[in-house]
């Protein structure tokens, strides 16, 4: 943001209120929590199906649930960025 001349007030859209920062922080924490849940769920599905396939006598098919894990990483990154924005 550029420097304002002394005595001049920035326009209302250029300022961030403490209430807005609190909303951003709450959304960021929720995004971090959901991201962790999605990632862990995908990882558990992958590990469970791999364990079932590995214990089978003739081998088997297992699922690598990369979709939920990728979505979880996306939510974790977006939540971290929003948290950083709320604390600046």
C-alpha atoms as a PDB file:
ATOM      1  CA  UNK A   1       0.000   0.000   0.000  1.00  0.00           C
ATOM      2  CA  UNK A   2       1.359   3.441  -0.847  1.00  0.00           C
ATOM      3  CA  UNK A   3       2.019   6.082   1.791  1.00  0.00           C
ATOM      4  CA  UNK A   4      -0.780   8.540   2.431  1.00  0.00           C
ATOM      5  CA  UNK A   5       0.024  12.247   2.701  1.00  0.00           C
ATOM      6  CA  UNK A   6      -0.019  13.451   6.274  1.00  0.00           C
ATOM      7  CA  UNK A   7      -3.480  14.307   7.550  1.00  0.00           C
ATOM      8  CA  UNK A   8      -5.283  12.445   4.784  1.00  0.00           C
ATOM      9  CA  UNK A   9      -7.564   9.564   5.817  1.00  0.00           C
ATOM     10  CA  UNK A  10      -7.514   6.342   3.761  1.00  0.00           C
ATOM     11  CA  UNK A  11     -10.768   5.381   2.064  1.00  0.00           C
ATOM     12  CA  UNK A  12     -13.029   3.027   4.048  1.00  0.00           C
ATOM     13  CA  UNK A  13     -12.389   0.083   1.700  1.00  0.00           C
ATOM     14  CA  UNK A  14      -8.632   0.290   2.360  1.00  0.00           C
ATOM     15  CA  UNK A  15      -8.893  -0.256   6.118  1.00  0.00           C
ATOM     16  CA  UNK A  16      -9.435  -3.526   7.951  1.00  0.00           C
ATOM     17  CA  UNK A  17     -11.404  -3.517  11.175  1.00  0.00           C
ATOM     18  CA  UNK A  18     -10.596  -5.743  14.154  1.00  0.00           C
ATOM     19  CA  UNK A  19     -13.954  -7.456  13.594  1.00  0.00           C
ATOM     20  CA  UNK A  20     -12.948  -8.345  10.024  1.00  0.00           C
ATOM     21  CA  UNK A  21      -9.624  -9.716  11.252  1.00  0.00           C
ATOM     22  CA  UNK A  22     -11.479 -11.866  13.809  1.00  0.00           C
ATOM     23  CA  UNK A  23     -13.746 -13.225  11.056  1.00  0.00           C
ATOM     24  CA  UNK A  24     -10.728 -14.035   8.874  1.00  0.00           C
ATOM     25  CA  UNK A  25      -9.014 -15.798  11.766  1.00  0.00           C
ATOM     26  CA  UNK A  26     -12.117 -17.860  12.542  1.00  0.00           C
ATOM     27  CA  UNK A  27     -12.465 -18.878   8.877  1.00  0.00           C
ATOM     28  CA  UNK A  28      -8.767 -19.745   8.737  1.00  0.00           C
ATOM     29  CA  UNK A  29      -8.950 -21.972  11.805  1.00  0.00           C
ATOM     30  CA  UNK A  30     -12.010 -23.746  10.388  1.00  0.00           C
ATOM     31  CA  UNK A  31     -10.218 -24.260   7.076  1.00  0.00           C
ATOM     32  CA  UNK A  32      -7.178 -25.690   8.853  1.00  0.00           C
ATOM     33  CA  UNK A  33      -9.345 -28.099  10.853  1.00  0.00           C
ATOM     34  CA  UNK A  34     -11.309 -29.313   7.831  1.00  0.00           C
ATOM     35  CA  UNK A  35      -8.123 -29.622   5.783  1.00  0.00           C
ATOM     36  CA  UNK A  36      -6.534 -31.799   8.431  1.00  0.00           C
ATOM     37  CA  UNK A  37      -9.669 -33.962   8.627  1.00  0.00           C
ATOM     38  CA  UNK A  38      -9.823 -34.447   4.836  1.00  0.00           C
ATOM     39  CA  UNK A  39      -6.133 -35.312   4.642  1.00  0.00           C
ATOM     40  CA  UNK A  40      -6.294 -37.765   7.545  1.00  0.00           C
ATOM     41  CA  UNK A  41      -9.453 -39.412   6.151  1.00  0.00           C
ATOM     42  CA  UNK A  42      -7.790 -39.948   2.769  1.00  0.00           C
ATOM     43  CA  UNK A  43      -4.667 -41.309   4.423  1.00  0.00           C
ATOM     44  CA  UNK A  44      -6.672 -43.703   6.610  1.00  0.00           C
ATOM     45  CA  UNK A  45      -8.631 -45.008   3.614  1.00  0.00           C
ATOM     46  CA  UNK A  46      -5.379 -45.613   1.758  1.00  0.00           C
ATOM     47  CA  UNK A  47      -3.698 -47.354   4.694  1.00  0.00           C
ATOM     48  CA  UNK A  48      -6.743 -49.505   5.465  1.00  0.00           C
ATOM     49  CA  UNK A  49      -7.223 -50.727   1.908  1.00  0.00           C
ATOM     50  CA  UNK A  50      -3.487 -51.332   1.513  1.00  0.00           C
ATOM     51  CA  UNK A  51      -3.462 -53.360   4.733  1.00  0.00           C
ATOM     52  CA  UNK A  52      -6.378 -55.446   3.489  1.00  0.00           C
ATOM     53  CA  UNK A  53      -4.692 -56.065   0.129  1.00  0.00           C
ATOM     54  CA  UNK A  54      -1.339 -56.889   1.720  1.00  0.00           C
ATOM     55  CA  UNK A  55      -2.866 -59.419   4.099  1.00  0.00           C
ATOM     56  CA  UNK A  56      -4.664 -61.223   1.283  1.00  0.00           C
ATOM     57  CA  UNK A  57      -3.139 -64.516   0.198  1.00  0.00           C
ATOM     58  CA  UNK A  58      -3.167 -63.627  -3.509  1.00  0.00           C
ATOM     59  CA  UNK A  59      -2.533 -59.910  -3.209  1.00  0.00           C
ATOM     60  CA  UNK A  60      -5.281 -57.547  -4.073  1.00  0.00           C
ATOM     61  CA  UNK A  61      -6.391 -54.132  -5.044  1.00  0.00           C
ATOM     62  CA  UNK A  62      -6.080 -51.108  -2.808  1.00  0.00           C
ATOM     63  CA  UNK A  63      -7.229 -47.531  -3.093  1.00  0.00           C
ATOM     64  CA  UNK A  64      -4.916 -44.545  -2.959  1.00  0.00           C
ATOM     65  CA  UNK A  65      -7.348 -41.836  -1.899  1.00  0.00           C
ATOM     66  CA  UNK A  66      -5.324 -38.965  -3.311  1.00  0.00           C
ATOM     67  CA  UNK A  67      -8.407 -36.797  -3.943  1.00  0.00           C
ATOM     68  CA  UNK A  68      -9.294 -36.245  -0.283  1.00  0.00           C
ATOM     69  CA  UNK A  69      -5.631 -35.855   0.615  1.00  0.00           C
ATOM     70  CA  UNK A  70      -5.073 -33.279  -2.129  1.00  0.00           C
ATOM     71  CA  UNK A  71      -8.195 -31.355  -1.079  1.00  0.00           C
ATOM     72  CA  UNK A  72      -6.974 -31.465   2.521  1.00  0.00           C
ATOM     73  CA  UNK A  73      -3.617 -29.987   1.524  1.00  0.00           C
ATOM     74  CA  UNK A  74      -5.428 -27.255  -0.443  1.00  0.00           C
ATOM     75  CA  UNK A  75      -7.552 -26.380   2.605  1.00  0.00           C
ATOM     76  CA  UNK A  76      -4.507 -26.407   4.877  1.00  0.00           C
ATOM     77  CA  UNK A  77      -2.582 -24.041   2.605  1.00  0.00           C
ATOM     78  CA  UNK A  78      -5.523 -21.680   2.065  1.00  0.00           C
ATOM     79  CA  UNK A  79      -6.217 -21.655   5.808  1.00  0.00           C
ATOM     80  CA  UNK A  80      -2.588 -20.875   6.619  1.00  0.00           C
ATOM     81  CA  UNK A  81      -2.532 -18.024   4.106  1.00  0.00           C
ATOM     82  CA  UNK A  82      -5.763 -16.566   5.493  1.00  0.00           C
ATOM     83  CA  UNK A  83      -4.442 -16.859   9.045  1.00  0.00           C
ATOM     84  CA  UNK A  84      -1.289 -15.004   8.033  1.00  0.00           C
ATOM     85  CA  UNK A  85      -3.433 -12.307   6.373  1.00  0.00           C
ATOM     86  CA  UNK A  86      -5.549 -11.910   9.516  1.00  0.00           C
ATOM     87  CA  UNK A  87      -2.493 -11.373  11.682  1.00  0.00           C
ATOM     88  CA  UNK A  88      -0.812  -8.721   9.500  1.00  0.00           C
END
